PDB file of N, CA and C in Angstrom:
ATOM      1  N   UNK A   1      15.927 -12.138  -2.624  1.00  0.00           N
ATOM      2  CA  UNK A   1      15.104 -11.624  -1.534  1.00  0.00           C
ATOM      3  C   UNK A   1      14.810 -10.159  -1.804  1.00  0.00           C
ATOM      4  N   UNK A   2      13.538  -9.827  -1.786  1.00  0.00           N
ATOM      5  CA  UNK A   2      13.101  -8.442  -1.936  1.00  0.00           C
ATOM      6  C   UNK A   2      12.493  -8.003  -0.611  1.00  0.00           C
ATOM      7  N   UNK A   3      13.017  -6.917  -0.053  1.00  0.00           N
ATOM      8  CA  UNK A   3      12.521  -6.416   1.228  1.00  0.00           C
ATOM      9  C   UNK A   3      11.790  -5.110   0.992  1.00  0.00           C
ATOM     10  N   UNK A   4      10.596  -5.018   1.530  1.00  0.00           N
ATOM     11  CA  UNK A   4       9.807  -3.793   1.481  1.00  0.00           C
ATOM     12  C   UNK A   4       9.778  -3.199   2.883  1.00  0.00           C
ATOM     13  N   UNK A   5      10.726  -2.303   3.171  1.00  0.00           N
ATOM     14  CA  UNK A   5      10.844  -1.728   4.507  1.00  0.00           C
ATOM     15  C   UNK A   5       9.608  -0.929   4.898  1.00  0.00           C
ATOM     16  N   UNK A   6       8.939  -0.291   3.926  1.00  0.00           N
ATOM     17  CA  UNK A   6       7.756   0.508   4.235  1.00  0.00           C
ATOM     18  C   UNK A   6       6.632  -0.329   4.832  1.00  0.00           C
ATOM     19  N   UNK A   7       6.570  -1.600   4.463  1.00  0.00           N
ATOM     20  CA  UNK A   7       5.498  -2.480   4.931  1.00  0.00           C
ATOM     21  C   UNK A   7       5.984  -3.548   5.904  1.00  0.00           C
ATOM     22  N   UNK A   8       7.286  -3.675   6.086  1.00  0.00           N
ATOM     23  CA  UNK A   8       7.826  -4.687   6.987  1.00  0.00           C
ATOM     24  C   UNK A   8       7.621  -6.093   6.469  1.00  0.00           C
ATOM     25  N   UNK A   9       7.727  -6.257   5.150  1.00  0.00           N
ATOM     26  CA  UNK A   9       7.530  -7.559   4.531  1.00  0.00           C
ATOM     27  C   UNK A   9       8.692  -7.880   3.605  1.00  0.00           C
ATOM     28  N   UNK A  10       8.858  -9.176   3.354  1.00  0.00           N
ATOM     29  CA  UNK A  10       9.861  -9.601   2.389  1.00  0.00           C
ATOM     30  C   UNK A  10       9.273 -10.663   1.479  1.00  0.00           C
ATOM     31  N   UNK A  11       9.906 -10.846   0.329  1.00  0.00           N
ATOM     32  CA  UNK A  11       9.504 -11.863  -0.639  1.00  0.00           C
ATOM     33  C   UNK A  11      10.748 -12.644  -1.028  1.00  0.00           C
ATOM     34  N   UNK A  12      10.650 -13.969  -1.000  1.00  0.00           N
ATOM     35  CA  UNK A  12      11.744 -14.853  -1.376  1.00  0.00           C
ATOM     36  C   UNK A  12      11.365 -15.519  -2.691  1.00  0.00           C
ATOM     37  N   UNK A  13      12.237 -15.403  -3.690  1.00  0.00           N
ATOM     38  CA  UNK A  13      11.963 -15.990  -5.010  1.00  0.00           C
ATOM     39  C   UNK A  13      13.236 -16.587  -5.580  1.00  0.00           C
ATOM     40  N   UNK A  14      13.060 -17.551  -6.473  1.00  0.00           N
ATOM     41  CA  UNK A  14      14.180 -18.151  -7.189  1.00  0.00           C
ATOM     42  C   UNK A  14      14.816 -17.093  -8.076  1.00  0.00           C
ATOM     43  N   UNK A  15      16.136 -17.003  -8.047  1.00  0.00           N
ATOM     44  CA  UNK A  15      16.832 -15.953  -8.783  1.00  0.00           C
ATOM     45  C   UNK A  15      16.683 -16.108 -10.296  1.00  0.00           C
ATOM     46  N   UNK A  16      16.709 -17.319 -10.796  1.00  0.00           N
ATOM     47  CA  UNK A  16      16.649 -17.541 -12.240  1.00  0.00           C
ATOM     48  C   UNK A  16      15.231 -17.390 -12.791  1.00  0.00           C
ATOM     49  N   UNK A  17      14.243 -18.014 -12.131  1.00  0.00           N
ATOM     50  CA  UNK A  17      12.882 -18.031 -12.675  1.00  0.00           C
ATOM     51  C   UNK A  17      11.951 -17.004 -12.043  1.00  0.00           C
ATOM     52  N   UNK A  18      12.368 -16.375 -10.955  1.00  0.00           N
ATOM     53  CA  UNK A  18      11.555 -15.413 -10.205  1.00  0.00           C
ATOM     54  C   UNK A  18      10.291 -16.052  -9.623  1.00  0.00           C
ATOM     55  N   UNK A  19      10.264 -17.377  -9.518  1.00  0.00           N
ATOM     56  CA  UNK A  19       9.143 -18.079  -8.902  1.00  0.00           C
ATOM     57  C   UNK A  19       9.282 -17.998  -7.384  1.00  0.00           C
ATOM     58  N   UNK A  20       8.155 -17.813  -6.657  1.00  0.00           N
ATOM     59  CA  UNK A  20       8.233 -17.716  -5.195  1.00  0.00           C
ATOM     60  C   UNK A  20       8.772 -18.995  -4.567  1.00  0.00           C
ATOM     61  N   UNK A  21       9.448 -18.840  -3.443  1.00  0.00           N
ATOM     62  CA  UNK A  21       9.980 -19.978  -2.699  1.00  0.00           C
ATOM     63  C   UNK A  21       9.225 -20.093  -1.375  1.00  0.00           C
ATOM     64  N   UNK A  22       8.091 -20.829  -1.384  1.00  0.00           N
ATOM     65  CA  UNK A  22       7.347 -21.011  -0.132  1.00  0.00           C
ATOM     66  C   UNK A  22       8.117 -21.895   0.840  1.00  0.00           C
ATOM     67  N   UNK A  23       7.739 -21.827   2.083  1.00  0.00           N
ATOM     68  CA  UNK A  23       8.332 -22.633   3.155  1.00  0.00           C
ATOM     69  C   UNK A  23       9.810 -22.339   3.386  1.00  0.00           C
ATOM     70  N   UNK A  24      10.261 -21.142   3.040  1.00  0.00           N
ATOM     71  CA  UNK A  24      11.610 -20.711   3.387  1.00  0.00           C
ATOM     72  C   UNK A  24      11.568 -20.220   4.834  1.00  0.00           C
ATOM     73  N   UNK A  25      12.553 -20.630   5.634  1.00  0.00           N
ATOM     74  CA  UNK A  25      12.586 -20.249   7.043  1.00  0.00           C
ATOM     75  C   UNK A  25      13.142 -18.838   7.187  1.00  0.00           C
ATOM     76  N   UNK A  26      12.499 -18.034   8.027  1.00  0.00           N
ATOM     77  CA  UNK A  26      12.929 -16.663   8.278  1.00  0.00           C
ATOM     78  C   UNK A  26      13.063 -16.468   9.784  1.00  0.00           C
ATOM     79  N   UNK A  27      14.225 -15.966  10.211  1.00  0.00           N
ATOM     80  CA  UNK A  27      14.468 -15.685  11.630  1.00  0.00           C
ATOM     81  C   UNK A  27      14.899 -14.231  11.741  1.00  0.00           C
ATOM     82  N   UNK A  28      14.259 -13.491  12.637  1.00  0.00           N
ATOM     83  CA  UNK A  28      14.465 -12.049  12.727  1.00  0.00           C
ATOM     84  C   UNK A  28      14.986 -11.685  14.121  1.00  0.00           C
ATOM     85  N   UNK A  29      16.060 -10.918  14.135  1.00  0.00           N
ATOM     86  CA  UNK A  29      16.585 -10.333  15.369  1.00  0.00           C
ATOM     87  C   UNK A  29      16.439  -8.822  15.264  1.00  0.00           C
ATOM     88  N   UNK A  30      16.264  -8.175  16.408  1.00  0.00           N
ATOM     89  CA  UNK A  30      16.088  -6.727  16.426  1.00  0.00           C
ATOM     90  C   UNK A  30      17.142  -6.081  17.298  1.00  0.00           C
ATOM     91  N   UNK A  31      17.726  -4.999  16.781  1.00  0.00           N
ATOM     92  CA  UNK A  31      18.582  -4.154  17.600  1.00  0.00           C
ATOM     93  C   UNK A  31      17.678  -3.060  18.151  1.00  0.00           C
ATOM     94  N   UNK A  32      17.596  -3.001  19.458  1.00  0.00           N
ATOM     95  CA  UNK A  32      16.707  -2.046  20.105  1.00  0.00           C
ATOM     96  C   UNK A  32      17.385  -0.682  20.210  1.00  0.00           C
ATOM     97  N   UNK A  33      16.590   0.318  20.469  1.00  0.00           N
ATOM     98  CA  UNK A  33      17.110   1.685  20.556  1.00  0.00           C
ATOM     99  C   UNK A  33      18.105   1.851  21.702  1.00  0.00           C
ATOM    100  N   UNK A  34      18.040   0.981  22.728  1.00  0.00           N
ATOM    101  CA  UNK A  34      18.997   1.059  23.834  1.00  0.00           C
ATOM    102  C   UNK A  34      20.288   0.287  23.536  1.00  0.00           C
ATOM    103  N   UNK A  35      20.385  -0.316  22.315  1.00  0.00           N
ATOM    104  CA  UNK A  35      21.607  -0.997  21.905  1.00  0.00           C
ATOM    105  C   UNK A  35      21.595  -2.497  22.069  1.00  0.00           C
ATOM    106  N   UNK A  36      20.652  -3.046  22.804  1.00  0.00           N
ATOM    107  CA  UNK A  36      20.601  -4.492  22.979  1.00  0.00           C
ATOM    108  C   UNK A  36      20.051  -5.172  21.725  1.00  0.00           C
ATOM    109  N   UNK A  37      20.434  -6.428  21.554  1.00  0.00           N
ATOM    110  CA  UNK A  37      19.956  -7.225  20.425  1.00  0.00           C
ATOM    111  C   UNK A  37      19.198  -8.412  20.990  1.00  0.00           C
ATOM    112  N   UNK A  38      18.019  -8.688  20.421  1.00  0.00           N
ATOM    113  CA  UNK A  38      17.236  -9.815  20.911  1.00  0.00           C
ATOM    114  C   UNK A  38      16.447 -10.461  19.774  1.00  0.00           C
ATOM    115  N   UNK A  39      16.093 -11.724  19.999  1.00  0.00           N
ATOM    116  CA  UNK A  39      15.244 -12.424  19.047  1.00  0.00           C
ATOM    117  C   UNK A  39      13.929 -11.671  18.942  1.00  0.00           C
ATOM    118  N   UNK A  40      13.410 -11.545  17.713  1.00  0.00           N
ATOM    119  CA  UNK A  40      12.169 -10.799  17.494  1.00  0.00           C
ATOM    120  C   UNK A  40      11.039 -11.684  16.989  1.00  0.00           C
ATOM    121  N   UNK A  41      11.318 -12.490  15.956  1.00  0.00           N
ATOM    122  CA  UNK A  41      10.247 -13.280  15.341  1.00  0.00           C
ATOM    123  C   UNK A  41      10.857 -14.303  14.400  1.00  0.00           C
ATOM    124  N   UNK A  42      10.161 -15.425  14.190  1.00  0.00           N
ATOM    125  CA  UNK A  42      10.567 -16.367  13.152  1.00  0.00           C
ATOM    126  C   UNK A  42       9.331 -17.024  12.561  1.00  0.00           C
ATOM    127  N   UNK A  43       9.518 -17.692  11.429  1.00  0.00           N
ATOM    128  CA  UNK A  43       8.416 -18.365  10.764  1.00  0.00           C
ATOM    129  C   UNK A  43       8.817 -18.765   9.355  1.00  0.00           C
ATOM    130  N   UNK A  44       7.828 -19.114   8.562  1.00  0.00           N
ATOM    131  CA  UNK A  44       8.070 -19.576   7.197  1.00  0.00           C
ATOM    132  C   UNK A  44       7.323 -18.700   6.197  1.00  0.00           C
ATOM    133  N   UNK A  45       7.883 -18.573   4.999  1.00  0.00           N
ATOM    134  CA  UNK A  45       7.200 -17.819   3.959  1.00  0.00           C
ATOM    135  C   UNK A  45       5.939 -18.564   3.534  1.00  0.00           C
ATOM    136  N   UNK A  46       4.941 -17.814   3.071  1.00  0.00           N
ATOM    137  CA  UNK A  46       3.686 -18.407   2.636  1.00  0.00           C
ATOM    138  C   UNK A  46       3.807 -18.926   1.200  1.00  0.00           C
ATOM    139  N   UNK A  47       2.698 -19.324   0.606  1.00  0.00           N
ATOM    140  CA  UNK A  47       2.716 -19.867  -0.758  1.00  0.00           C
ATOM    141  C   UNK A  47       3.215 -18.860  -1.787  1.00  0.00           C
ATOM    142  N   UNK A  48       3.087 -17.574  -1.479  1.00  0.00           N
ATOM    143  CA  UNK A  48       3.572 -16.521  -2.388  1.00  0.00           C
ATOM    144  C   UNK A  48       5.035 -16.170  -2.127  1.00  0.00           C
ATOM    145  N   UNK A  49       5.660 -16.876  -1.178  1.00  0.00           N
ATOM    146  CA  UNK A  49       7.042 -16.593  -0.828  1.00  0.00           C
ATOM    147  C   UNK A  49       7.197 -15.359   0.042  1.00  0.00           C
ATOM    148  N   UNK A  50       6.123 -14.928   0.689  1.00  0.00           N
ATOM    149  CA  UNK A  50       6.135 -13.698   1.487  1.00  0.00           C
ATOM    150  C   UNK A  50       6.140 -13.984   2.984  1.00  0.00           C
ATOM    151  N   UNK A  51       6.721 -13.025   3.731  1.00  0.00           N
ATOM    152  CA  UNK A  51       6.767 -13.119   5.191  1.00  0.00           C
ATOM    153  C   UNK A  51       6.710 -11.714   5.762  1.00  0.00           C
ATOM    154  N   UNK A  52       5.836 -11.503   6.739  1.00  0.00           N
ATOM    155  CA  UNK A  52       5.733 -10.227   7.444  1.00  0.00           C
ATOM    156  C   UNK A  52       6.657 -10.306   8.657  1.00  0.00           C
ATOM    157  N   UNK A  53       7.765  -9.581   8.604  1.00  0.00           N
ATOM    158  CA  UNK A  53       8.778  -9.708   9.660  1.00  0.00           C
ATOM    159  C   UNK A  53       8.614  -8.714  10.805  1.00  0.00           C
ATOM    160  N   UNK A  54       7.616  -7.836  10.768  1.00  0.00           N
ATOM    161  CA  UNK A  54       7.473  -6.839  11.830  1.00  0.00           C
ATOM    162  C   UNK A  54       6.263  -7.032  12.725  1.00  0.00           C
ATOM    163  N   UNK A  55       5.198  -7.627  12.229  1.00  0.00           N
ATOM    164  CA  UNK A  55       3.948  -7.702  12.996  1.00  0.00           C
ATOM    165  C   UNK A  55       4.055  -8.634  14.194  1.00  0.00           C
ATOM    166  N   UNK A  56       3.720  -8.092  15.338  1.00  0.00           N
ATOM    167  CA  UNK A  56       3.610  -8.847  16.585  1.00  0.00           C
ATOM    168  C   UNK A  56       2.360  -8.351  17.304  1.00  0.00           C
ATOM    169  N   UNK A  57       1.921  -9.076  18.300  1.00  0.00           N
ATOM    170  CA  UNK A  57       0.760  -8.637  19.071  1.00  0.00           C
ATOM    171  C   UNK A  57       1.173  -7.730  20.236  1.00  0.00           C
ATOM    172  N   UNK A  58       2.393  -7.215  20.190  1.00  0.00           N
ATOM    173  CA  UNK A  58       2.883  -6.279  21.205  1.00  0.00           C
ATOM    174  C   UNK A  58       3.332  -4.993  20.519  1.00  0.00           C
ATOM    175  N   UNK A  59       3.764  -4.036  21.290  1.00  0.00           N
ATOM    176  CA  UNK A  59       4.270  -2.781  20.728  1.00  0.00           C
ATOM    177  C   UNK A  59       5.798  -2.757  20.682  1.00  0.00           C
ATOM    178  N   UNK A  60       6.439  -3.920  20.626  1.00  0.00           N
ATOM    179  CA  UNK A  60       7.907  -4.010  20.633  1.00  0.00           C
ATOM    180  C   UNK A  60       8.545  -3.248  19.479  1.00  0.00           C
ATOM    181  N   UNK A  61       7.850  -3.122  18.366  1.00  0.00           N
ATOM    182  CA  UNK A  61       8.433  -2.439  17.202  1.00  0.00           C
ATOM    183  C   UNK A  61       8.731  -0.966  17.491  1.00  0.00           C
ATOM    184  N   UNK A  62       8.057  -0.383  18.463  1.00  0.00           N
ATOM    185  CA  UNK A  62       8.304   1.020  18.814  1.00  0.00           C
ATOM    186  C   UNK A  62       9.718   1.238  19.322  1.00  0.00           C
ATOM    187  N   UNK A  63      10.380   0.190  19.817  1.00  0.00           N
ATOM    188  CA  UNK A  63      11.732   0.299  20.383  1.00  0.00           C
ATOM    189  C   UNK A  63      12.817  -0.244  19.468  1.00  0.00           C
ATOM    190  N   UNK A  64      12.459  -0.657  18.244  1.00  0.00           N
ATOM    191  CA  UNK A  64      13.426  -1.258  17.319  1.00  0.00           C
ATOM    192  C   UNK A  64      14.117  -0.176  16.500  1.00  0.00           C
ATOM    193  N   UNK A  65      15.448  -0.282  16.394  1.00  0.00           N
ATOM    194  CA  UNK A  65      16.186   0.645  15.528  1.00  0.00           C
ATOM    195  C   UNK A  65      16.608  -0.022  14.222  1.00  0.00           C
ATOM    196  N   UNK A  66      16.786  -1.360  14.233  1.00  0.00           N
ATOM    197  CA  UNK A  66      17.189  -2.082  13.021  1.00  0.00           C
ATOM    198  C   UNK A  66      16.878  -3.564  13.181  1.00  0.00           C
ATOM    199  N   UNK A  67      16.564  -4.220  12.041  1.00  0.00           N
ATOM    200  CA  UNK A  67      16.335  -5.660  12.012  1.00  0.00           C
ATOM    201  C   UNK A  67      17.475  -6.359  11.291  1.00  0.00           C
ATOM    202  N   UNK A  68      17.787  -7.557  11.734  1.00  0.00           N
ATOM    203  CA  UNK A  68      18.694  -8.454  11.026  1.00  0.00           C
ATOM    204  C   UNK A  68      17.885  -9.705  10.720  1.00  0.00           C
ATOM    205  N   UNK A  69      17.849 -10.093   9.441  1.00  0.00           N
ATOM    206  CA  UNK A  69      16.942 -11.143   8.988  1.00  0.00           C
ATOM    207  C   UNK A  69      17.730 -12.258   8.310  1.00  0.00           C
ATOM    208  N   UNK A  70      17.565 -13.476   8.812  1.00  0.00           N
ATOM    209  CA  UNK A  70      18.152 -14.662   8.207  1.00  0.00           C
ATOM    210  C   UNK A  70      17.077 -15.353   7.384  1.00  0.00           C
ATOM    211  N   UNK A  71      17.359 -15.620   6.108  1.00  0.00           N
ATOM    212  CA  UNK A  71      16.453 -16.348   5.229  1.00  0.00           C
ATOM    213  C   UNK A  71      17.153 -17.632   4.826  1.00  0.00           C
ATOM    214  N   UNK A  72      16.478 -18.761   5.036  1.00  0.00           N
ATOM    215  CA  UNK A  72      17.075 -20.072   4.801  1.00  0.00           C
ATOM    216  C   UNK A  72      16.148 -20.904   3.921  1.00  0.00           C
ATOM    217  N   UNK A  73      16.689 -21.414   2.805  1.00  0.00           N
ATOM    218  CA  UNK A  73      15.928 -22.276   1.909  1.00  0.00           C
ATOM    219  C   UNK A  73      16.802 -23.464   1.534  1.00  0.00           C
ATOM    220  N   UNK A  74      16.242 -24.668   1.596  1.00  0.00           N
ATOM    221  CA  UNK A  74      17.036 -25.875   1.353  1.00  0.00           C
ATOM    222  C   UNK A  74      17.667 -25.901  -0.036  1.00  0.00           C
ATOM    223  N   UNK A  75      16.959 -25.439  -1.044  1.00  0.00           N
ATOM    224  CA  UNK A  75      17.495 -25.464  -2.405  1.00  0.00           C
ATOM    225  C   UNK A  75      18.354 -24.239  -2.731  1.00  0.00           C
ATOM    226  N   UNK A  76      17.933 -23.066  -2.264  1.00  0.00           N
ATOM    227  CA  UNK A  76      18.593 -21.820  -2.657  1.00  0.00           C
ATOM    228  C   UNK A  76      19.706 -21.389  -1.712  1.00  0.00           C
ATOM    229  N   UNK A  77      19.745 -21.915  -0.484  1.00  0.00           N
ATOM    230  CA  UNK A  77      20.798 -21.544   0.451  1.00  0.00           C
ATOM    231  C   UNK A  77      20.325 -20.548   1.492  1.00  0.00           C
ATOM    232  N   UNK A  78      21.276 -19.832   2.074  1.00  0.00           N
ATOM    233  CA  UNK A  78      20.983 -18.902   3.168  1.00  0.00           C
ATOM    234  C   UNK A  78      21.471 -17.502   2.823  1.00  0.00           C
ATOM    235  N   UNK A  79      20.832 -16.532   3.456  1.00  0.00           N
ATOM    236  CA  UNK A  79      21.149 -15.135   3.193  1.00  0.00           C
ATOM    237  C   UNK A  79      20.794 -14.326   4.446  1.00  0.00           C
ATOM    238  N   UNK A  80      21.597 -13.315   4.751  1.00  0.00           N
ATOM    239  CA  UNK A  80      21.292 -12.419   5.859  1.00  0.00           C
ATOM    240  C   UNK A  80      21.150 -11.014   5.290  1.00  0.00           C
ATOM    241  N   UNK A  81      20.080 -10.334   5.682  1.00  0.00           N
ATOM    242  CA  UNK A  81      19.825  -8.958   5.255  1.00  0.00           C
ATOM    243  C   UNK A  81      19.509  -8.114   6.480  1.00  0.00           C
ATOM    244  N   UNK A  82      19.780  -6.825   6.373  1.00  0.00           N
ATOM    245  CA  UNK A  82      19.398  -5.873   7.413  1.00  0.00           C
ATOM    246  C   UNK A  82      18.313  -4.966   6.858  1.00  0.00           C
ATOM    247  N   UNK A  83      17.424  -4.523   7.739  1.00  0.00           N
ATOM    248  CA  UNK A  83      16.339  -3.638   7.320  1.00  0.00           C
ATOM    249  C   UNK A  83      15.967  -2.707   8.457  1.00  0.00           C
ATOM    250  N   UNK A  84      15.514  -1.525   8.097  1.00  0.00           N
ATOM    251  CA  UNK A  84      15.015  -0.568   9.074  1.00  0.00           C
ATOM    252  C   UNK A  84      13.552  -0.871   9.359  1.00  0.00           C
ATOM    253  N   UNK A  85      13.076  -0.506  10.538  1.00  0.00           N
ATOM    254  CA  UNK A  85      11.649  -0.708  10.806  1.00  0.00           C
ATOM    255  C   UNK A  85      10.819   0.241   9.937  1.00  0.00           C
ATOM    256  N   UNK A  86       9.569  -0.127   9.665  1.00  0.00           N
ATOM    257  CA  UNK A  86       8.711   0.761   8.873  1.00  0.00           C
ATOM    258  C   UNK A  86       8.520   2.094   9.578  1.00  0.00           C
ATOM    259  N   UNK A  87       8.394   3.143   8.808  1.00  0.00           N
ATOM    260  CA  UNK A  87       8.153   4.466   9.386  1.00  0.00           C
ATOM    261  C   UNK A  87       6.707   4.515   9.872  1.00  0.00           C
ATOM    262  N   UNK A  88       6.513   5.138  11.020  1.00  0.00           N
ATOM    263  CA  UNK A  88       5.157   5.217  11.605  1.00  0.00           C
ATOM    264  C   UNK A  88       4.647   6.618  11.532  1.00  0.00           C
TER     265      UNK A  88
END
């Protein structure tokens, strides 16, 4: 898993071949600036193995201090990563 914090995106790829892993499930939780933790977003990686974990149609990202991201793939397994929100 490669995370690009500047853009709020991640890429999931096979470790041995570096081929993208499409249809990997991604679930994102956010720790807010007031200390609470809540569900933020979920979805699946696209054909390139990419997922935008920050974009929403609200301004909720303005209150996020940190993300916790679960990546799940049937063949490759599961992984949890933390990331900071993109700088604005």
